[in-house]
Full PDB file with SEQRES, HELIX, SHEET, SSBOND, CRYST1, ORIGX, SCALE, CONECT and MASTER records, all heavy atoms in Angstrom:
SEQRES   1 A   30  ALA ILE GLY ILE ASN ASN LEU VAL VAL GLY GLY ASP SER          
SEQRES   2 A   30  ALA ASP GLU THR ALA GLU GLY ILE VAL ALA VAL THR GLU          
SEQRES   3 A   30  GLU ALA CYS ARG                                              
HELIX    1 AA1 ILE A    4  VAL A    8  1                                   5    
HELIX    2 AA2 ALA A   14  CYS A   29  1                                  16    
CRYST1    1.000    1.000    1.000  90.00  90.00  90.00 P 1           1          
ORIGX1      1.000000  0.000000  0.000000        0.00000                         
ORIGX2      0.000000  1.000000  0.000000        0.00000                         
ORIGX3      0.000000  0.000000  1.000000        0.00000                         
SCALE1      1.000000  0.000000  0.000000        0.00000                         
SCALE2      0.000000  1.000000  0.000000        0.00000                         
SCALE3      0.000000  0.000000  1.000000        0.00000                         
ATOM      1  N   ALA A   1      16.998  -8.861  -3.580  1.00  0.00           N  
ATOM      2  CA  ALA A   1      16.421  -8.266  -4.803  1.00  0.00           C  
ATOM      3  C   ALA A   1      15.078  -8.942  -5.055  1.00  0.00           C  
ATOM      4  O   ALA A   1      15.007 -10.052  -5.604  1.00  0.00           O  
ATOM      5  CB  ALA A   1      17.367  -8.475  -5.988  1.00  0.00           C  
ATOM      6  N   ILE A   2      13.989  -8.287  -4.664  1.00  0.00           N  
ATOM      7  CA  ILE A   2      12.672  -8.909  -4.705  1.00  0.00           C  
ATOM      8  C   ILE A   2      11.601  -7.832  -4.883  1.00  0.00           C  
ATOM      9  O   ILE A   2      11.861  -6.657  -4.595  1.00  0.00           O  
ATOM     10  CB  ILE A   2      12.411  -9.712  -3.381  1.00  0.00           C  
ATOM     11  CG1 ILE A   2      11.228 -10.665  -3.505  1.00  0.00           C  
ATOM     12  CG2 ILE A   2      12.303  -8.780  -2.201  1.00  0.00           C  
ATOM     13  CD1 ILE A   2      11.480 -11.860  -4.394  1.00  0.00           C  
ATOM     14  N   GLY A   3      10.447  -8.214  -5.396  1.00  0.00           N  
ATOM     15  CA  GLY A   3       9.312  -7.314  -5.415  1.00  0.00           C  
ATOM     16  C   GLY A   3       8.558  -7.171  -6.723  1.00  0.00           C  
ATOM     17  O   GLY A   3       7.370  -6.858  -6.716  1.00  0.00           O  
ATOM     18  N   ILE A   4       9.218  -7.412  -7.859  1.00  0.00           N  
ATOM     19  CA  ILE A   4       8.533  -7.157  -9.133  1.00  0.00           C  
ATOM     20  C   ILE A   4       7.313  -8.054  -9.317  1.00  0.00           C  
ATOM     21  O   ILE A   4       6.295  -7.619  -9.898  1.00  0.00           O  
ATOM     22  CB  ILE A   4       9.515  -7.288 -10.316  1.00  0.00           C  
ATOM     23  CG1 ILE A   4       8.870  -6.760 -11.623  1.00  0.00           C  
ATOM     24  CG2 ILE A   4       9.985  -8.713 -10.487  1.00  0.00           C  
ATOM     25  CD1 ILE A   4       8.521  -5.290 -11.574  1.00  0.00           C  
ATOM     26  N   ASN A   5       7.367  -9.277  -8.811  1.00  0.00           N  
ATOM     27  CA  ASN A   5       6.215 -10.179  -8.982  1.00  0.00           C  
ATOM     28  C   ASN A   5       5.020  -9.727  -8.144  1.00  0.00           C  
ATOM     29  O   ASN A   5       3.861 -10.024  -8.495  1.00  0.00           O  
ATOM     30  CB  ASN A   5       6.579 -11.615  -8.630  1.00  0.00           C  
ATOM     31  CG  ASN A   5       7.499 -12.237  -9.654  1.00  0.00           C  
ATOM     32  OD1 ASN A   5       7.353 -12.000 -10.854  1.00  0.00           O  
ATOM     33  ND2 ASN A   5       8.452 -13.023  -9.211  1.00  0.00           N  
ATOM     34  N   ASN A   6       5.263  -9.027  -7.053  1.00  0.00           N  
ATOM     35  CA  ASN A   6       4.141  -8.456  -6.285  1.00  0.00           C  
ATOM     36  C   ASN A   6       3.364  -7.467  -7.143  1.00  0.00           C  
ATOM     37  O   ASN A   6       2.125  -7.383  -7.060  1.00  0.00           O  
ATOM     38  CB  ASN A   6       4.637  -7.758  -5.031  1.00  0.00           C  
ATOM     39  CG  ASN A   6       5.221  -8.711  -4.023  1.00  0.00           C  
ATOM     40  OD1 ASN A   6       6.315  -9.236  -4.202  1.00  0.00           O  
ATOM     41  ND2 ASN A   6       4.497  -8.939  -2.936  1.00  0.00           N  
ATOM     42  N   LEU A   7       4.069  -6.709  -7.979  1.00  0.00           N  
ATOM     43  CA  LEU A   7       3.434  -5.721  -8.833  1.00  0.00           C  
ATOM     44  C   LEU A   7       2.743  -6.331 -10.038  1.00  0.00           C  
ATOM     45  O   LEU A   7       1.579  -6.060 -10.306  1.00  0.00           O  
ATOM     46  CB  LEU A   7       4.476  -4.695  -9.308  1.00  0.00           C  
ATOM     47  CG  LEU A   7       5.155  -3.806  -8.275  1.00  0.00           C  
ATOM     48  CD1 LEU A   7       6.174  -2.918  -8.955  1.00  0.00           C  
ATOM     49  CD2 LEU A   7       4.145  -2.980  -7.500  1.00  0.00           C  
ATOM     50  N   VAL A   8       3.483  -7.163 -10.784  1.00  0.00           N  
ATOM     51  CA  VAL A   8       2.986  -7.596 -12.099  1.00  0.00           C  
ATOM     52  C   VAL A   8       2.127  -8.844 -12.038  1.00  0.00           C  
ATOM     53  O   VAL A   8       1.374  -9.120 -12.968  1.00  0.00           O  
ATOM     54  CB  VAL A   8       4.153  -7.802 -13.101  1.00  0.00           C  
ATOM     55  CG1 VAL A   8       4.924  -6.510 -13.279  1.00  0.00           C  
ATOM     56  CG2 VAL A   8       5.073  -8.926 -12.654  1.00  0.00           C  
ATOM     57  N   VAL A   9       2.219  -9.609 -10.940  1.00  0.00           N  
ATOM     58  CA  VAL A   9       1.419 -10.818 -10.799  1.00  0.00           C  
ATOM     59  C   VAL A   9       0.480 -10.734  -9.594  1.00  0.00           C  
ATOM     60  O   VAL A   9      -0.687 -11.082  -9.668  1.00  0.00           O  
ATOM     61  CB  VAL A   9       2.321 -12.079 -10.656  1.00  0.00           C  
ATOM     62  CG1 VAL A   9       1.476 -13.334 -10.490  1.00  0.00           C  
ATOM     63  CG2 VAL A   9       3.232 -12.230 -11.856  1.00  0.00           C  
ATOM     64  N   GLY A  10       1.015 -10.242  -8.484  1.00  0.00           N  
ATOM     65  CA  GLY A  10       0.256 -10.238  -7.241  1.00  0.00           C  
ATOM     66  C   GLY A  10      -0.770  -9.143  -7.095  1.00  0.00           C  
ATOM     67  O   GLY A  10      -1.645  -9.216  -6.242  1.00  0.00           O  
ATOM     68  N   GLY A  11      -0.653  -8.097  -7.928  1.00  0.00           N  
ATOM     69  CA  GLY A  11      -1.622  -7.011  -7.836  1.00  0.00           C  
ATOM     70  C   GLY A  11      -1.445  -6.114  -6.632  1.00  0.00           C  
ATOM     71  O   GLY A  11      -2.339  -5.341  -6.285  1.00  0.00           O  
ATOM     72  N   ASP A  12      -0.290  -6.171  -5.963  1.00  0.00           N  
ATOM     73  CA  ASP A  12      -0.031  -5.310  -4.820  1.00  0.00           C  
ATOM     74  C   ASP A  12       0.295  -3.894  -5.280  1.00  0.00           C  
ATOM     75  O   ASP A  12       0.812  -3.689  -6.380  1.00  0.00           O  
ATOM     76  CB  ASP A  12       1.145  -5.838  -3.997  1.00  0.00           C  
ATOM     77  CG  ASP A  12       0.843  -7.175  -3.325  1.00  0.00           C  
ATOM     78  OD1 ASP A  12      -0.351  -7.498  -3.198  1.00  0.00           O  
ATOM     79  OD2 ASP A  12       1.786  -7.864  -2.924  1.00  0.00           O  
ATOM     80  N   SER A  13       0.001  -2.929  -4.436  1.00  0.00           N  
ATOM     81  CA  SER A  13       0.378  -1.559  -4.737  1.00  0.00           C  
ATOM     82  C   SER A  13       1.875  -1.375  -4.532  1.00  0.00           C  
ATOM     83  O   SER A  13       2.551  -2.215  -3.928  1.00  0.00           O  
ATOM     84  CB  SER A  13      -0.374  -0.580  -3.831  1.00  0.00           C  
ATOM     85  OG  SER A  13       0.096  -0.687  -2.492  1.00  0.00           O  
ATOM     86  N   ALA A  14       2.399  -0.243  -5.008  1.00  0.00           N  
ATOM     87  CA  ALA A  14       3.806   0.034  -4.816  1.00  0.00           C  
ATOM     88  C   ALA A  14       4.149   0.136  -3.336  1.00  0.00           C  
ATOM     89  O   ALA A  14       5.173  -0.398  -2.883  1.00  0.00           O  
ATOM     90  CB  ALA A  14       4.186   1.331  -5.534  1.00  0.00           C  
ATOM     91  N   ASP A  15       3.285   0.794  -2.552  1.00  0.00           N  
ATOM     92  CA  ASP A  15       3.566   0.937  -1.129  1.00  0.00           C  
ATOM     93  C   ASP A  15       3.500  -0.404  -0.389  1.00  0.00           C  
ATOM     94  O   ASP A  15       4.334  -0.667   0.496  1.00  0.00           O  
ATOM     95  CB  ASP A  15       2.589   1.940  -0.503  1.00  0.00           C  
ATOM     96  CG  ASP A  15       2.952   3.381  -0.859  1.00  0.00           C  
ATOM     97  OD1 ASP A  15       2.857   3.744  -2.065  1.00  0.00           O  
ATOM     98  OD2 ASP A  15       3.330   4.131   0.037  1.00  0.00           O  
ATOM     99  N   GLU A  16       2.559  -1.253  -0.762  1.00  0.00           N  
ATOM    100  CA  GLU A  16       2.474  -2.585  -0.165  1.00  0.00           C  
ATOM    101  C   GLU A  16       3.711  -3.411  -0.513  1.00  0.00           C  
ATOM    102  O   GLU A  16       4.269  -4.102   0.344  1.00  0.00           O  
ATOM    103  CB  GLU A  16       1.226  -3.297  -0.644  1.00  0.00           C  
ATOM    104  CG  GLU A  16      -0.070  -2.747  -0.100  1.00  0.00           C  
ATOM    105  CD  GLU A  16      -1.291  -3.276  -0.812  1.00  0.00           C  
ATOM    106  OE1 GLU A  16      -1.183  -3.729  -1.978  1.00  0.00           O  
ATOM    107  OE2 GLU A  16      -2.386  -3.225  -0.220  1.00  0.00           O  
ATOM    108  N   THR A  17       4.141  -3.305  -1.753  1.00  0.00           N  
ATOM    109  CA  THR A  17       5.340  -4.034  -2.178  1.00  0.00           C  
ATOM    110  C   THR A  17       6.561  -3.546  -1.434  1.00  0.00           C  
ATOM    111  O   THR A  17       7.402  -4.344  -0.979  1.00  0.00           O  
ATOM    112  CB  THR A  17       5.529  -3.869  -3.693  1.00  0.00           C  
ATOM    113  OG1 THR A  17       4.382  -4.386  -4.379  1.00  0.00           O  
ATOM    114  CG2 THR A  17       6.772  -4.615  -4.166  1.00  0.00           C  
ATOM    115  N   ALA A  18       6.670  -2.233  -1.285  1.00  0.00           N  
ATOM    116  CA  ALA A  18       7.823  -1.663  -0.548  1.00  0.00           C  
ATOM    117  C   ALA A  18       7.855  -2.166   0.892  1.00  0.00           C  
ATOM    118  O   ALA A  18       8.920  -2.508   1.408  1.00  0.00           O  
ATOM    119  CB  ALA A  18       7.754  -0.145  -0.584  1.00  0.00           C  
ATOM    120  N   GLU A  19       6.707  -2.243   1.537  1.00  0.00           N  
ATOM    121  CA  GLU A  19       6.670  -2.750   2.914  1.00  0.00           C  
ATOM    122  C   GLU A  19       7.079  -4.210   2.967  1.00  0.00           C  
ATOM    123  O   GLU A  19       7.745  -4.645   3.918  1.00  0.00           O  
ATOM    124  CB  GLU A  19       5.289  -2.546   3.517  1.00  0.00           C  
ATOM    125  CG  GLU A  19       4.993  -1.096   3.874  1.00  0.00           C  
ATOM    126  CD  GLU A  19       6.071  -0.484   4.772  1.00  0.00           C  
ATOM    127  OE1 GLU A  19       6.354  -1.065   5.838  1.00  0.00           O  
ATOM    128  OE2 GLU A  19       6.624   0.561   4.400  1.00  0.00           O  
ATOM    129  N   GLY A  20       6.722  -4.982   1.939  1.00  0.00           N  
ATOM    130  CA  GLY A  20       7.178  -6.372   1.886  1.00  0.00           C  
ATOM    131  C   GLY A  20       8.676  -6.471   1.725  1.00  0.00           C  
ATOM    132  O   GLY A  20       9.325  -7.312   2.339  1.00  0.00           O  
ATOM    133  N   ILE A  21       9.265  -5.577   0.908  1.00  0.00           N  
ATOM    134  CA  ILE A  21      10.715  -5.558   0.717  1.00  0.00           C  
ATOM    135  C   ILE A  21      11.400  -5.200   2.028  1.00  0.00           C  
ATOM    136  O   ILE A  21      12.424  -5.781   2.409  1.00  0.00           O  
ATOM    137  CB  ILE A  21      11.087  -4.576  -0.396  1.00  0.00           C  
ATOM    138  CG1 ILE A  21      10.540  -5.067  -1.751  1.00  0.00           C  
ATOM    139  CG2 ILE A  21      12.619  -4.418  -0.484  1.00  0.00           C  
ATOM    140  CD1 ILE A  21      10.638  -4.027  -2.860  1.00  0.00           C  
ATOM    141  N   VAL A  22      10.838  -4.237   2.744  1.00  0.00           N  
ATOM    142  CA  VAL A  22      11.397  -3.857   4.050  1.00  0.00           C  
ATOM    143  C   VAL A  22      11.359  -5.045   5.008  1.00  0.00           C  
ATOM    144  O   VAL A  22      12.356  -5.306   5.712  1.00  0.00           O  
ATOM    145  CB  VAL A  22      10.620  -2.659   4.646  1.00  0.00           C  
ATOM    146  CG1 VAL A  22      11.005  -2.441   6.114  1.00  0.00           C  
ATOM    147  CG2 VAL A  22      10.878  -1.407   3.829  1.00  0.00           C  
ATOM    148  N   ALA A  23      10.260  -5.765   5.021  1.00  0.00           N  
ATOM    149  CA  ALA A  23      10.154  -6.931   5.911  1.00  0.00           C  
ATOM    150  C   ALA A  23      11.201  -7.984   5.594  1.00  0.00           C  
ATOM    151  O   ALA A  23      11.810  -8.570   6.503  1.00  0.00           O  
ATOM    152  CB  ALA A  23       8.742  -7.537   5.814  1.00  0.00           C  
ATOM    153  N   VAL A  24      11.430  -8.231   4.320  1.00  0.00           N  
ATOM    154  CA  VAL A  24      12.458  -9.201   3.896  1.00  0.00           C  
ATOM    155  C   VAL A  24      13.833  -8.722   4.344  1.00  0.00           C  
ATOM    156  O   VAL A  24      14.654  -9.500   4.861  1.00  0.00           O  
ATOM    157  CB  VAL A  24      12.422  -9.426   2.372  1.00  0.00           C  
ATOM    158  CG1 VAL A  24      13.627 -10.216   1.921  1.00  0.00           C  
ATOM    159  CG2 VAL A  24      11.133 -10.129   1.966  1.00  0.00           C  
ATOM    160  N   THR A  25      14.107  -7.446   4.146  1.00  0.00           N  
ATOM    161  CA  THR A  25      15.419  -6.892   4.508  1.00  0.00           C  
ATOM    162  C   THR A  25      15.663  -6.993   6.013  1.00  0.00           C  
ATOM    163  O   THR A  25      16.759  -7.370   6.443  1.00  0.00           O  
ATOM    164  CB  THR A  25      15.522  -5.426   4.036  1.00  0.00           C  
ATOM    165  OG1 THR A  25      15.245  -5.364   2.640  1.00  0.00           O  
ATOM    166  CG2 THR A  25      16.898  -4.853   4.316  1.00  0.00           C  
ATOM    167  N   GLU A  26      14.670  -6.641   6.796  1.00  0.00           N  
ATOM    168  CA  GLU A  26      14.807  -6.730   8.238  1.00  0.00           C  
ATOM    169  C   GLU A  26      15.003  -8.164   8.715  1.00  0.00           C  
ATOM    170  O   GLU A  26      15.770  -8.436   9.636  1.00  0.00           O  
ATOM    171  CB  GLU A  26      13.617  -6.059   8.926  1.00  0.00           C  
ATOM    172  CG  GLU A  26      13.575  -4.553   8.697  1.00  0.00           C  
ATOM    173  CD  GLU A  26      12.358  -3.886   9.276  1.00  0.00           C  
ATOM    174  OE1 GLU A  26      11.357  -4.597   9.565  1.00  0.00           O  
ATOM    175  OE2 GLU A  26      12.379  -2.649   9.446  1.00  0.00           O  
ATOM    176  N   GLU A  27      14.297  -9.096   8.065  1.00  0.00           N  
ATOM    177  CA  GLU A  27      14.482 -10.508   8.415  1.00  0.00           C  
ATOM    178  C   GLU A  27      15.868 -10.985   8.017  1.00  0.00           C  
ATOM    179  O   GLU A  27      16.492 -11.773   8.724  1.00  0.00           O  
ATOM    180  CB  GLU A  27      13.410 -11.358   7.757  1.00  0.00           C  
ATOM    181  CG  GLU A  27      13.396 -12.813   8.199  1.00  0.00           C  
ATOM    182  CD  GLU A  27      13.036 -12.984   9.665  1.00  0.00           C  
ATOM    183  OE1 GLU A  27      12.326 -12.132  10.232  1.00  0.00           O  
ATOM    184  OE2 GLU A  27      13.466 -14.010  10.260  1.00  0.00           O  
ATOM    185  N   ALA A  28      16.364 -10.500   6.876  1.00  0.00           N  
ATOM    186  CA  ALA A  28      17.705 -10.888   6.453  1.00  0.00           C  
ATOM    187  C   ALA A  28      18.734 -10.404   7.482  1.00  0.00           C  
ATOM    188  O   ALA A  28      19.725 -11.110   7.745  1.00  0.00           O  
ATOM    189  CB  ALA A  28      18.019 -10.282   5.079  1.00  0.00           C  
ATOM    190  N   CYS A  29      18.528  -9.234   8.048  1.00  0.00           N  
ATOM    191  CA  CYS A  29      19.437  -8.745   9.091  1.00  0.00           C  
ATOM    192  C   CYS A  29      19.446  -9.691  10.290  1.00  0.00           C  
ATOM    193  O   CYS A  29      20.500  -9.922  10.904  1.00  0.00           O  
ATOM    194  CB  CYS A  29      19.017  -7.356   9.535  1.00  0.00           C  
ATOM    195  SG  CYS A  29      19.319  -6.057   8.307  1.00  0.00           S  
ATOM    196  N   ARG A  30      18.283 -10.236  10.620  1.00  0.00           N  
ATOM    197  CA  ARG A  30      18.199 -11.171  11.752  1.00  0.00           C  
ATOM    198  C   ARG A  30      18.830 -12.531  11.411  1.00  0.00           C  
ATOM    199  O   ARG A  30      19.527 -13.142  12.231  1.00  0.00           O  
ATOM    200  CB  ARG A  30      16.755 -11.350  12.199  1.00  0.00           C  
ATOM    201  CG  ARG A  30      16.171 -10.135  12.897  1.00  0.00           C  
ATOM    202  CD  ARG A  30      14.799 -10.421  13.468  1.00  0.00           C  
ATOM    203  NE  ARG A  30      13.779 -10.468  12.422  1.00  0.00           N  
ATOM    204  CZ  ARG A  30      13.061  -9.420  12.024  1.00  0.00           C  
ATOM    205  NH1 ARG A  30      13.270  -8.226  12.558  1.00  0.00           N  
ATOM    206  NH2 ARG A  30      12.141  -9.552  11.094  1.00  0.00           N  
TER     207      ARG A  30                                                      
MASTER        0    0    0    2    0    0    0    6  206    1    0    3          
END                                                                             
């Protein structure tokens, strides 16, 4: 459960944040 700080603090776009969430999820699988 991650990502809100990318939006409200980090200034990332929604699509950039989503890709970061995907990266975390894929790493968690590994």
